[in-house]
Amino acid sequence: MNFAVSDTFASPDEVDEDPLHTLKILVAGGFGVGKTTLVGSVSEIRPLRTEETLTDKSTGVDDLEGLERKTTTTVAMDFGRLTFRGGVRLYLFGTPGQERFWFMWDQIAYGAVGAIVLADTRRLTASFASIDFFEQREIPFIVAVNCFDGARRYTIGEIRGALDVDPHVPVMLCDVRRKDLAKNVLVAMVEHALQHAGPPQP
């Protein structure tokens, strides 16, 4: 199955309510890396969000270094949907990033064909737990580095070395606020997953 970025996604009137194939994709990564933003920027439906306001109770529990402006956090998952032309639909599940919610990851990951690990170069160590999770469960994943305003820029090679991911794992730069760039990440994830599993069966 081939995907071309220029004509990959169905327009609203082309969306089939009974797609030929469905794929479950996870969006993972550390606290505050942009998972909710990615799901929201590409979803063709109003995304389901389980965000709650951060309170004083999170002090000393959630690491807010470099995230002083963050006021909400995902406490269960984000959910969105995106349809490819040709009848392939992605169901996107964003995982919560804080360690206290990691117990839910196995349930959310059930049935997933692949995952996107979002990373922030200011806090790369926050990505290690997600990378370890998918490596141990042999779930194909790619690393997408969300380029935050004001963050120092690094090459793909530098990031790959710092994260110590296998050479076959795609690593790419993105800005998940931009719909076109976020969609490129999804295309890369689907292509990587299909290389491991072959085309989806009807």
N, C-alpha and C. Protein backbone atom coordinates (compact mmCIF):
# COMPACT_ATOMS: atom_id res chain seq x y z
N MET A 1 0.85 -1.19 0.00
CA MET A 1 0.00 0.00 0.00
C MET A 1 0.88 1.23 0.00
N ASN A 2 0.71 2.12 -0.95
CA ASN A 2 1.54 3.30 -1.07
C ASN A 2 0.78 4.54 -0.62
N PHE A 3 1.50 5.47 0.03
CA PHE A 3 0.90 6.71 0.50
C PHE A 3 1.69 7.87 -0.08
N ALA A 4 1.00 8.82 -0.65
CA ALA A 4 1.63 10.05 -1.11
C ALA A 4 1.05 11.19 -0.30
N VAL A 5 1.93 12.01 0.27
CA VAL A 5 1.46 13.06 1.17
C VAL A 5 0.49 13.99 0.46
N SER A 6 0.70 14.25 -0.82
CA SER A 6 -0.13 15.22 -1.52
C SER A 6 -1.58 14.78 -1.67
N ASP A 7 -1.83 13.48 -1.70
CA ASP A 7 -3.22 13.03 -1.90
C ASP A 7 -3.58 11.91 -0.94
N THR A 8 -3.00 11.92 0.23
CA THR A 8 -3.20 10.82 1.16
C THR A 8 -4.55 10.84 1.83
N PHE A 9 -5.01 12.00 2.26
CA PHE A 9 -6.13 12.06 3.18
C PHE A 9 -7.43 12.42 2.47
N ALA A 10 -8.50 11.81 2.93
CA ALA A 10 -9.81 12.03 2.33
C ALA A 10 -10.36 13.40 2.74
N SER A 11 -11.05 14.04 1.81
CA SER A 11 -11.76 15.28 2.13
C SER A 11 -13.02 14.91 2.91
N PRO A 12 -13.65 15.88 3.60
CA PRO A 12 -14.83 15.56 4.40
C PRO A 12 -15.91 14.82 3.64
N ASP A 13 -16.16 15.19 2.33
CA ASP A 13 -17.22 14.46 1.60
C ASP A 13 -16.79 13.10 1.10
N GLU A 14 -15.48 12.80 1.20
CA GLU A 14 -14.98 11.49 0.77
C GLU A 14 -14.89 10.49 1.92
N VAL A 15 -15.10 10.95 3.14
CA VAL A 15 -14.94 10.07 4.29
C VAL A 15 -16.03 9.01 4.29
N ASP A 16 -15.63 7.75 4.24
CA ASP A 16 -16.54 6.62 4.24
C ASP A 16 -16.78 6.17 5.68
N GLU A 17 -18.05 6.07 6.06
CA GLU A 17 -18.36 5.65 7.42
C GLU A 17 -18.10 4.15 7.63
N ASP A 18 -17.81 3.43 6.55
CA ASP A 18 -17.51 2.00 6.67
C ASP A 18 -16.19 1.72 5.93
N PRO A 19 -15.05 2.10 6.54
CA PRO A 19 -13.76 1.97 5.85
C PRO A 19 -13.37 0.51 5.65
N LEU A 20 -12.53 0.27 4.65
CA LEU A 20 -12.07 -1.09 4.36
C LEU A 20 -11.14 -1.59 5.45
N HIS A 21 -10.29 -0.71 5.98
CA HIS A 21 -9.29 -1.09 6.96
C HIS A 21 -9.25 -0.05 8.07
N THR A 22 -8.99 -0.50 9.28
CA THR A 22 -8.80 0.42 10.40
C THR A 22 -7.49 0.09 11.10
N LEU A 23 -6.77 1.11 11.49
CA LEU A 23 -5.49 0.96 12.16
C LEU A 23 -5.48 1.78 13.44
N LYS A 24 -5.05 1.17 14.51
CA LYS A 24 -4.93 1.87 15.79
C LYS A 24 -3.50 2.34 15.97
N ILE A 25 -3.33 3.65 16.18
CA ILE A 25 -2.01 4.27 16.35
C ILE A 25 -1.96 4.95 17.71
N LEU A 26 -0.87 4.75 18.43
CA LEU A 26 -0.67 5.42 19.71
C LEU A 26 0.19 6.66 19.53
N VAL A 27 -0.11 7.67 20.31
CA VAL A 27 0.72 8.87 20.37
C VAL A 27 1.21 8.98 21.81
N ALA A 28 2.51 8.74 22.01
CA ALA A 28 3.06 8.66 23.35
C ALA A 28 4.20 9.67 23.52
N GLY A 29 4.76 9.69 24.71
CA GLY A 29 5.85 10.61 25.01
C GLY A 29 5.69 11.18 26.40
N GLY A 30 6.64 11.99 26.80
CA GLY A 30 6.65 12.55 28.14
C GLY A 30 5.59 13.60 28.35
N PHE A 31 5.53 14.08 29.56
CA PHE A 31 4.57 15.10 29.98
C PHE A 31 4.82 16.40 29.21
N GLY A 32 3.78 16.92 28.55
CA GLY A 32 3.88 18.22 27.90
C GLY A 32 4.61 18.27 26.58
N VAL A 33 4.76 17.12 25.88
CA VAL A 33 5.50 17.13 24.61
C VAL A 33 4.63 17.49 23.41
N GLY A 34 3.29 17.52 23.58
CA GLY A 34 2.43 17.90 22.47
C GLY A 34 1.51 16.82 21.96
N LYS A 35 1.27 15.77 22.74
CA LYS A 35 0.43 14.66 22.29
C LYS A 35 -1.01 15.11 22.01
N THR A 36 -1.57 15.86 22.94
CA THR A 36 -2.94 16.35 22.76
C THR A 36 -3.03 17.28 21.56
N THR A 37 -2.00 18.11 21.38
CA THR A 37 -1.98 19.03 20.24
C THR A 37 -1.92 18.28 18.92
N LEU A 38 -1.10 17.22 18.84
CA LEU A 38 -1.00 16.44 17.60
C LEU A 38 -2.34 15.81 17.24
N VAL A 39 -2.96 15.13 18.20
CA VAL A 39 -4.24 14.48 17.93
C VAL A 39 -5.27 15.51 17.49
N GLY A 40 -5.31 16.65 18.18
CA GLY A 40 -6.29 17.67 17.85
C GLY A 40 -6.06 18.33 16.51
N SER A 41 -4.79 18.44 16.08
CA SER A 41 -4.50 19.15 14.83
C SER A 41 -4.85 18.34 13.60
N VAL A 42 -4.89 17.00 13.70
CA VAL A 42 -5.13 16.18 12.52
C VAL A 42 -6.50 15.50 12.51
N SER A 43 -7.17 15.44 13.65
CA SER A 43 -8.41 14.67 13.71
C SER A 43 -9.50 15.29 12.85
N GLU A 44 -10.19 14.43 12.08
CA GLU A 44 -11.28 14.90 11.23
C GLU A 44 -12.59 15.01 12.01
N ILE A 45 -12.60 14.49 13.23
CA ILE A 45 -13.73 14.65 14.13
C ILE A 45 -13.28 15.47 15.33
N ARG A 46 -14.23 15.97 16.07
CA ARG A 46 -13.87 16.67 17.29
C ARG A 46 -13.19 15.69 18.24
N PRO A 47 -11.92 15.93 18.60
CA PRO A 47 -11.20 14.94 19.40
C PRO A 47 -11.76 14.83 20.81
N LEU A 48 -11.71 13.61 21.33
CA LEU A 48 -12.05 13.38 22.73
C LEU A 48 -10.83 13.69 23.57
N ARG A 49 -11.00 14.53 24.57
CA ARG A 49 -9.88 14.89 25.44
C ARG A 49 -10.28 14.65 26.89
N THR A 50 -9.34 14.19 27.68
CA THR A 50 -9.58 13.99 29.11
C THR A 50 -8.60 14.84 29.89
N GLU A 51 -8.64 16.13 29.62
CA GLU A 51 -7.71 17.05 30.28
C GLU A 51 -8.32 17.60 31.56
N GLU A 52 -7.47 17.74 32.56
CA GLU A 52 -7.87 18.35 33.82
C GLU A 52 -6.89 19.47 34.16
N THR A 53 -7.35 20.43 34.91
CA THR A 53 -6.51 21.55 35.31
C THR A 53 -5.48 21.11 36.33
N LEU A 54 -4.23 21.52 36.13
CA LEU A 54 -3.19 21.23 37.10
C LEU A 54 -3.46 22.02 38.38
N THR A 55 -3.29 21.37 39.51
CA THR A 55 -3.51 22.02 40.80
C THR A 55 -2.25 21.91 41.65
N ASP A 56 -2.31 22.47 42.84
CA ASP A 56 -1.17 22.40 43.76
C ASP A 56 -0.83 20.97 44.13
N LYS A 57 -1.79 20.03 43.98
CA LYS A 57 -1.54 18.65 44.34
C LYS A 57 -0.51 17.99 43.43
N SER A 58 -0.31 18.57 42.25
CA SER A 58 0.69 18.00 41.33
C SER A 58 2.09 18.48 41.64
N THR A 59 2.23 19.46 42.54
CA THR A 59 3.54 19.97 42.91
C THR A 59 4.37 18.87 43.56
N GLY A 60 5.58 18.67 43.03
CA GLY A 60 6.43 17.62 43.54
C GLY A 60 6.13 16.26 42.97
N VAL A 61 5.03 16.14 42.21
CA VAL A 61 4.66 14.88 41.57
C VAL A 61 4.93 14.93 40.08
N ASP A 62 4.45 15.98 39.42
CA ASP A 62 4.68 16.18 38.00
C ASP A 62 5.84 17.16 37.82
N ASP A 63 6.77 16.81 36.93
CA ASP A 63 7.92 17.66 36.67
C ASP A 63 7.53 18.76 35.69
N LEU A 64 7.43 19.99 36.19
CA LEU A 64 7.01 21.13 35.36
C LEU A 64 8.18 21.99 34.91
N GLU A 65 9.40 21.49 35.08
CA GLU A 65 10.55 22.29 34.64
C GLU A 65 10.49 22.51 33.13
N GLY A 66 10.53 23.77 32.73
CA GLY A 66 10.41 24.13 31.32
C GLY A 66 8.98 24.17 30.83
N LEU A 67 8.02 23.85 31.70
CA LEU A 67 6.60 23.82 31.32
C LEU A 67 5.78 24.71 32.24
N GLU A 68 6.38 25.81 32.66
CA GLU A 68 5.73 26.65 33.66
C GLU A 68 4.39 27.20 33.19
N ARG A 69 4.19 27.30 31.86
CA ARG A 69 2.93 27.83 31.34
C ARG A 69 1.85 26.78 31.18
N LYS A 70 2.20 25.53 31.38
CA LYS A 70 1.23 24.45 31.19
C LYS A 70 0.22 24.46 32.34
N THR A 71 -1.07 24.46 32.00
CA THR A 71 -2.12 24.56 33.02
C THR A 71 -3.03 23.34 33.07
N THR A 72 -2.93 22.46 32.05
CA THR A 72 -3.79 21.27 32.02
C THR A 72 -2.95 20.04 31.74
N THR A 73 -3.52 18.86 32.00
CA THR A 73 -2.83 17.61 31.73
C THR A 73 -3.85 16.54 31.37
N THR A 74 -3.44 15.59 30.50
CA THR A 74 -4.28 14.46 30.13
C THR A 74 -4.25 13.42 31.25
N VAL A 75 -5.42 12.99 31.71
CA VAL A 75 -5.47 12.05 32.81
C VAL A 75 -5.94 10.65 32.38
N ALA A 76 -6.39 10.49 31.16
CA ALA A 76 -6.77 9.17 30.66
C ALA A 76 -6.20 8.97 29.27
N MET A 77 -6.78 9.61 28.27
CA MET A 77 -6.25 9.50 26.91
C MET A 77 -6.89 10.58 26.05
N ASP A 78 -6.28 10.81 24.90
CA ASP A 78 -6.87 11.61 23.83
C ASP A 78 -7.31 10.64 22.74
N PHE A 79 -8.35 11.01 22.00
CA PHE A 79 -8.80 10.14 20.91
C PHE A 79 -9.19 11.00 19.71
N GLY A 80 -8.70 10.60 18.53
CA GLY A 80 -9.05 11.27 17.29
C GLY A 80 -9.12 10.27 16.16
N ARG A 81 -9.53 10.76 14.99
CA ARG A 81 -9.72 9.87 13.83
C ARG A 81 -9.29 10.59 12.57
N LEU A 82 -8.68 9.84 11.66
CA LEU A 82 -8.25 10.40 10.39
C LEU A 82 -8.37 9.33 9.32
N THR A 83 -8.94 9.68 8.16
CA THR A 83 -9.18 8.70 7.10
C THR A 83 -8.31 8.99 5.88
N PHE A 84 -7.67 7.94 5.37
CA PHE A 84 -6.92 8.01 4.13
C PHE A 84 -7.85 7.77 2.95
N ARG A 85 -7.51 8.35 1.82
CA ARG A 85 -8.20 7.95 0.59
C ARG A 85 -7.90 6.48 0.34
N GLY A 86 -8.88 5.75 -0.14
CA GLY A 86 -8.69 4.33 -0.38
C GLY A 86 -9.27 3.47 0.73
N GLY A 87 -9.86 4.10 1.75
CA GLY A 87 -10.58 3.32 2.75
C GLY A 87 -9.78 2.86 3.94
N VAL A 88 -8.67 3.54 4.25
CA VAL A 88 -7.89 3.21 5.45
C VAL A 88 -8.12 4.30 6.49
N ARG A 89 -8.52 3.90 7.67
CA ARG A 89 -8.81 4.87 8.73
C ARG A 89 -7.88 4.65 9.91
N LEU A 90 -7.35 5.75 10.44
CA LEU A 90 -6.52 5.71 11.64
C LEU A 90 -7.36 6.12 12.84
N TYR A 91 -7.24 5.35 13.90
CA TYR A 91 -7.78 5.75 15.20
C TYR A 91 -6.59 6.11 16.08
N LEU A 92 -6.55 7.33 16.54
CA LEU A 92 -5.40 7.86 17.27
C LEU A 92 -5.70 7.89 18.76
N PHE A 93 -4.82 7.30 19.54
CA PHE A 93 -4.96 7.27 20.99
C PHE A 93 -3.74 7.93 21.61
N GLY A 94 -3.94 9.06 22.27
CA GLY A 94 -2.86 9.74 22.96
C GLY A 94 -2.77 9.26 24.39
N THR A 95 -1.59 8.83 24.82
CA THR A 95 -1.41 8.30 26.17
C THR A 95 -1.07 9.42 27.15
N PRO A 96 -1.41 9.27 28.42
CA PRO A 96 -0.98 10.25 29.42
C PRO A 96 0.52 10.15 29.64
N GLY A 97 1.17 11.29 29.88
CA GLY A 97 2.62 11.30 29.95
C GLY A 97 3.23 11.10 31.31
N GLN A 98 2.49 11.42 32.39
CA GLN A 98 3.09 11.35 33.71
C GLN A 98 3.24 9.92 34.20
N GLU A 99 4.27 9.69 34.98
CA GLU A 99 4.57 8.34 35.49
C GLU A 99 3.40 7.75 36.27
N ARG A 100 2.64 8.59 36.98
CA ARG A 100 1.55 8.06 37.80
C ARG A 100 0.42 7.46 36.96
N PHE A 101 0.42 7.72 35.63
CA PHE A 101 -0.63 7.16 34.77
C PHE A 101 -0.10 6.03 33.87
N TRP A 102 1.15 5.61 34.04
CA TRP A 102 1.72 4.60 33.16
C TRP A 102 1.01 3.26 33.26
N PHE A 103 0.33 3.01 34.38
CA PHE A 103 -0.34 1.72 34.53
C PHE A 103 -1.39 1.50 33.46
N MET A 104 -1.86 2.57 32.81
CA MET A 104 -2.90 2.44 31.78
C MET A 104 -2.35 2.12 30.40
N TRP A 105 -1.03 2.20 30.22
CA TRP A 105 -0.47 2.09 28.88
C TRP A 105 -0.76 0.76 28.22
N ASP A 106 -0.66 -0.35 28.96
CA ASP A 106 -0.89 -1.67 28.35
C ASP A 106 -2.30 -1.79 27.81
N GLN A 107 -3.27 -1.27 28.54
CA GLN A 107 -4.65 -1.34 28.07
C GLN A 107 -4.85 -0.48 26.83
N ILE A 108 -4.28 0.72 26.83
CA ILE A 108 -4.43 1.60 25.68
C ILE A 108 -3.70 1.03 24.47
N ALA A 109 -2.58 0.36 24.70
CA ALA A 109 -1.75 -0.15 23.59
C ALA A 109 -2.32 -1.40 22.94
N TYR A 110 -3.28 -2.06 23.59
CA TYR A 110 -3.81 -3.32 23.05
C TYR A 110 -4.36 -3.12 21.64
N GLY A 111 -3.85 -3.92 20.70
CA GLY A 111 -4.33 -3.88 19.32
C GLY A 111 -3.69 -2.82 18.45
N ALA A 112 -2.75 -2.05 18.98
CA ALA A 112 -2.11 -0.99 18.19
C ALA A 112 -1.13 -1.58 17.18
N VAL A 113 -1.12 -1.04 15.96
CA VAL A 113 -0.17 -1.50 14.95
C VAL A 113 1.13 -0.73 15.00
N GLY A 114 1.13 0.41 15.70
CA GLY A 114 2.34 1.21 15.78
C GLY A 114 2.13 2.42 16.68
N ALA A 115 3.23 3.15 16.88
CA ALA A 115 3.17 4.29 17.80
C ALA A 115 4.09 5.41 17.33
N ILE A 116 3.72 6.61 17.74
CA ILE A 116 4.55 7.80 17.57
C ILE A 116 5.03 8.20 18.96
N VAL A 117 6.34 8.28 19.13
CA VAL A 117 6.90 8.80 20.38
C VAL A 117 7.29 10.25 20.13
N LEU A 118 6.55 11.17 20.73
CA LEU A 118 6.88 12.58 20.62
C LEU A 118 7.98 12.92 21.61
N ALA A 119 8.93 13.74 21.17
CA ALA A 119 10.05 14.11 22.02
C ALA A 119 10.25 15.62 22.01
N ASP A 120 10.80 16.10 23.10
CA ASP A 120 11.13 17.52 23.27
C ASP A 120 12.62 17.58 23.58
N THR A 121 13.39 18.28 22.74
CA THR A 121 14.85 18.29 22.92
C THR A 121 15.28 18.92 24.24
N ARG A 122 14.41 19.68 24.87
CA ARG A 122 14.75 20.28 26.16
C ARG A 122 14.64 19.25 27.29
N ARG A 123 13.92 18.14 27.01
CA ARG A 123 13.70 17.12 28.04
C ARG A 123 13.67 15.75 27.38
N LEU A 124 14.76 15.39 26.71
CA LEU A 124 14.78 14.13 25.97
C LEU A 124 14.59 12.91 26.88
N THR A 125 15.06 13.00 28.11
CA THR A 125 14.94 11.84 29.00
C THR A 125 13.49 11.47 29.26
N ALA A 126 12.57 12.42 29.07
CA ALA A 126 11.15 12.12 29.27
C ALA A 126 10.62 11.14 28.22
N SER A 127 11.38 10.91 27.15
CA SER A 127 10.94 9.99 26.09
C SER A 127 11.38 8.56 26.34
N PHE A 128 12.32 8.36 27.27
CA PHE A 128 12.90 7.03 27.44
C PHE A 128 11.86 5.98 27.83
N ALA A 129 10.93 6.34 28.71
CA ALA A 129 9.93 5.35 29.17
C ALA A 129 9.08 4.85 28.01
N SER A 130 8.67 5.76 27.12
CA SER A 130 7.84 5.36 25.97
C SER A 130 8.64 4.47 25.02
N ILE A 131 9.88 4.85 24.75
CA ILE A 131 10.73 4.07 23.85
C ILE A 131 10.92 2.66 24.41
N ASP A 132 11.25 2.57 25.71
CA ASP A 132 11.43 1.25 26.34
C ASP A 132 10.15 0.42 26.26
N PHE A 133 9.01 1.06 26.49
CA PHE A 133 7.72 0.36 26.47
C PHE A 133 7.50 -0.30 25.12
N PHE A 134 7.68 0.43 24.03
CA PHE A 134 7.40 -0.12 22.70
C PHE A 134 8.47 -1.10 22.25
N GLU A 135 9.72 -0.87 22.65
CA GLU A 135 10.77 -1.83 22.31
C GLU A 135 10.51 -3.17 22.99
N GLN A 136 10.14 -3.16 24.26
CA GLN A 136 9.92 -4.40 25.01
C GLN A 136 8.73 -5.17 24.46
N ARG A 137 7.73 -4.47 23.94
CA ARG A 137 6.53 -5.13 23.43
C ARG A 137 6.58 -5.32 21.91
N GLU A 138 7.70 -4.95 21.31
CA GLU A 138 7.93 -5.12 19.87
C GLU A 138 6.83 -4.47 19.05
N ILE A 139 6.40 -3.29 19.50
CA ILE A 139 5.44 -2.48 18.75
C ILE A 139 6.22 -1.49 17.90
N PRO A 140 6.06 -1.49 16.57
CA PRO A 140 6.81 -0.55 15.73
C PRO A 140 6.50 0.89 16.14
N PHE A 141 7.54 1.72 16.17
CA PHE A 141 7.34 3.12 16.53
C PHE A 141 8.32 4.01 15.77
N ILE A 142 7.96 5.27 15.66
CA ILE A 142 8.87 6.27 15.16
C ILE A 142 9.03 7.35 16.23
N VAL A 143 10.09 8.13 16.13
CA VAL A 143 10.32 9.25 17.04
C VAL A 143 10.10 10.54 16.26
N ALA A 144 9.21 11.38 16.75
CA ALA A 144 8.94 12.68 16.14
C ALA A 144 9.32 13.76 17.14
N VAL A 145 10.30 14.57 16.80
CA VAL A 145 10.78 15.61 17.70
C VAL A 145 9.97 16.87 17.45
N ASN A 146 9.20 17.28 18.45
CA ASN A 146 8.37 18.47 18.36
C ASN A 146 9.26 19.69 18.60
N CYS A 147 9.39 20.54 17.59
CA CYS A 147 10.32 21.67 17.65
C CYS A 147 9.64 22.87 18.32
N PHE A 148 9.84 23.00 19.61
CA PHE A 148 9.22 24.09 20.36
C PHE A 148 9.95 25.41 20.09
N ASP A 149 9.20 26.50 20.13
CA ASP A 149 9.79 27.82 19.96
C ASP A 149 10.84 28.06 21.03
N GLY A 150 12.01 28.52 20.61
CA GLY A 150 13.06 28.85 21.55
C GLY A 150 13.93 27.69 21.96
N ALA A 151 13.56 26.46 21.59
CA ALA A 151 14.37 25.30 21.96
C ALA A 151 15.57 25.19 21.04
N ARG A 152 16.68 24.72 21.58
CA ARG A 152 17.88 24.54 20.77
C ARG A 152 17.65 23.47 19.72
N ARG A 153 18.17 23.69 18.51
CA ARG A 153 17.98 22.75 17.41
C ARG A 153 19.15 21.77 17.35
N TYR A 154 18.82 20.51 17.08
CA TYR A 154 19.81 19.45 16.94
C TYR A 154 19.57 18.71 15.63
N THR A 155 20.60 18.04 15.13
CA THR A 155 20.44 17.24 13.92
C THR A 155 19.74 15.92 14.27
N ILE A 156 19.21 15.28 13.23
CA ILE A 156 18.58 13.97 13.42
C ILE A 156 19.60 12.99 14.01
N GLY A 157 20.82 13.04 13.53
CA GLY A 157 21.86 12.13 14.04
C GLY A 157 22.15 12.35 15.51
N GLU A 158 22.21 13.61 15.93
CA GLU A 158 22.45 13.91 17.34
C GLU A 158 21.31 13.40 18.21
N ILE A 159 20.08 13.59 17.73
CA ILE A 159 18.92 13.14 18.51
C ILE A 159 18.88 11.62 18.58
N ARG A 160 19.15 10.97 17.45
CA ARG A 160 19.15 9.51 17.42
C ARG A 160 20.19 8.96 18.41
N GLY A 161 21.36 9.58 18.42
CA GLY A 161 22.41 9.13 19.34
C GLY A 161 22.03 9.34 20.79
N ALA A 162 21.41 10.48 21.09
CA ALA A 162 21.03 10.77 22.47
C ALA A 162 19.94 9.82 22.96
N LEU A 163 19.02 9.43 22.07
CA LEU A 163 17.94 8.53 22.46
C LEU A 163 18.34 7.07 22.36
N ASP A 164 19.44 6.79 21.65
CA ASP A 164 19.96 5.43 21.51
C ASP A 164 18.91 4.48 20.92
N VAL A 165 18.22 4.93 19.86
CA VAL A 165 17.24 4.06 19.21
C VAL A 165 17.91 3.29 18.08
N ASP A 166 17.33 2.15 17.74
CA ASP A 166 17.89 1.31 16.68
C ASP A 166 17.90 2.06 15.35
N PRO A 167 18.85 1.72 14.47
CA PRO A 167 18.98 2.41 13.18
C PRO A 167 17.72 2.34 12.31
N HIS A 168 16.91 1.28 12.46
CA HIS A 168 15.71 1.14 11.61
C HIS A 168 14.55 2.00 12.09
N VAL A 169 14.66 2.61 13.26
CA VAL A 169 13.57 3.44 13.79
C VAL A 169 13.65 4.83 13.17
N PRO A 170 12.62 5.24 12.42
CA PRO A 170 12.65 6.59 11.84
C PRO A 170 12.63 7.67 12.92
N VAL A 171 13.44 8.71 12.71
CA VAL A 171 13.46 9.88 13.58
C VAL A 171 13.25 11.10 12.69
N MET A 172 12.30 11.97 13.06
CA MET A 172 11.99 13.12 12.22
C MET A 172 11.67 14.33 13.07
N LEU A 173 11.79 15.51 12.46
CA LEU A 173 11.46 16.76 13.12
C LEU A 173 10.06 17.19 12.70
N CYS A 174 9.34 17.86 13.60
CA CYS A 174 7.99 18.30 13.25
C CYS A 174 7.58 19.46 14.14
N ASP A 175 6.46 20.06 13.78
CA ASP A 175 5.77 21.04 14.62
C ASP A 175 4.32 20.60 14.62
N VAL A 176 3.88 19.97 15.71
CA VAL A 176 2.56 19.35 15.71
C VAL A 176 1.42 20.36 15.68
N ARG A 177 1.74 21.64 15.83
CA ARG A 177 0.70 22.66 15.69
C ARG A 177 0.29 22.83 14.24
N ARG A 178 1.19 22.45 13.31
CA ARG A 178 0.91 22.56 11.88
C ARG A 178 0.31 21.26 11.37
N LYS A 179 -0.90 21.34 10.86
CA LYS A 179 -1.62 20.16 10.44
C LYS A 179 -0.86 19.37 9.39
N ASP A 180 -0.26 20.07 8.42
CA ASP A 180 0.44 19.36 7.35
C ASP A 180 1.64 18.58 7.88
N LEU A 181 2.39 19.18 8.81
CA LEU A 181 3.56 18.50 9.36
C LEU A 181 3.14 17.35 10.28
N ALA A 182 2.07 17.54 11.03
CA ALA A 182 1.57 16.46 11.88
C ALA A 182 1.10 15.28 11.03
N LYS A 183 0.46 15.56 9.90
CA LYS A 183 0.02 14.49 9.00
C LYS A 183 1.22 13.75 8.42
N ASN A 184 2.29 14.46 8.12
CA ASN A 184 3.50 13.80 7.62
C ASN A 184 4.01 12.77 8.62
N VAL A 185 3.92 13.09 9.90
CA VAL A 185 4.34 12.16 10.95
C VAL A 185 3.48 10.89 10.90
N LEU A 186 2.18 11.06 10.70
CA LEU A 186 1.28 9.90 10.63
C LEU A 186 1.58 9.04 9.41
N VAL A 187 1.87 9.69 8.29
CA VAL A 187 2.22 8.92 7.08
C VAL A 187 3.47 8.09 7.34
N ALA A 188 4.48 8.71 7.96
CA ALA A 188 5.71 7.98 8.26
C ALA A 188 5.44 6.81 9.20
N MET A 189 4.56 7.02 10.18
CA MET A 189 4.24 5.95 11.12
C MET A 189 3.55 4.80 10.42
N VAL A 190 2.57 5.09 9.56
CA VAL A 190 1.85 4.04 8.86
C VAL A 190 2.80 3.26 7.95
N GLU A 191 3.63 3.97 7.22
CA GLU A 191 4.58 3.29 6.32
C GLU A 191 5.52 2.39 7.12
N HIS A 192 6.00 2.87 8.26
CA HIS A 192 6.90 2.07 9.09
C HIS A 192 6.19 0.83 9.63
N ALA A 193 4.94 1.01 10.09
CA ALA A 193 4.18 -0.12 10.62
C ALA A 193 3.92 -1.17 9.54
N LEU A 194 3.59 -0.71 8.32
CA LEU A 194 3.30 -1.64 7.24
C LEU A 194 4.53 -2.41 6.81
N GLN A 195 5.71 -1.80 6.93
CA GLN A 195 6.95 -2.52 6.61
C GLN A 195 7.14 -3.70 7.55
N HIS A 196 6.66 -3.58 8.78
CA HIS A 196 6.81 -4.65 9.76
C HIS A 196 5.70 -5.70 9.67
N ALA A 197 4.48 -5.22 9.36
CA ALA A 197 3.34 -6.13 9.44
C ALA A 197 2.75 -6.50 8.09
N GLY A 198 3.14 -5.80 7.03
CA GLY A 198 2.50 -6.01 5.74
C GLY A 198 1.20 -5.24 5.68
N PRO A 199 0.55 -5.22 4.52
CA PRO A 199 -0.70 -4.47 4.37
C PRO A 199 -1.80 -5.01 5.28
N PRO A 200 -2.69 -4.13 5.80
CA PRO A 200 -3.78 -4.62 6.66
C PRO A 200 -4.73 -5.53 5.89
N GLN A 201 -5.29 -6.48 6.62
CA GLN A 201 -6.25 -7.41 6.01
C GLN A 201 -7.67 -6.87 6.17
N PRO A 202 -8.55 -7.10 5.16
CA PRO A 202 -9.93 -6.62 5.29
C PRO A 202 -10.65 -7.35 6.41
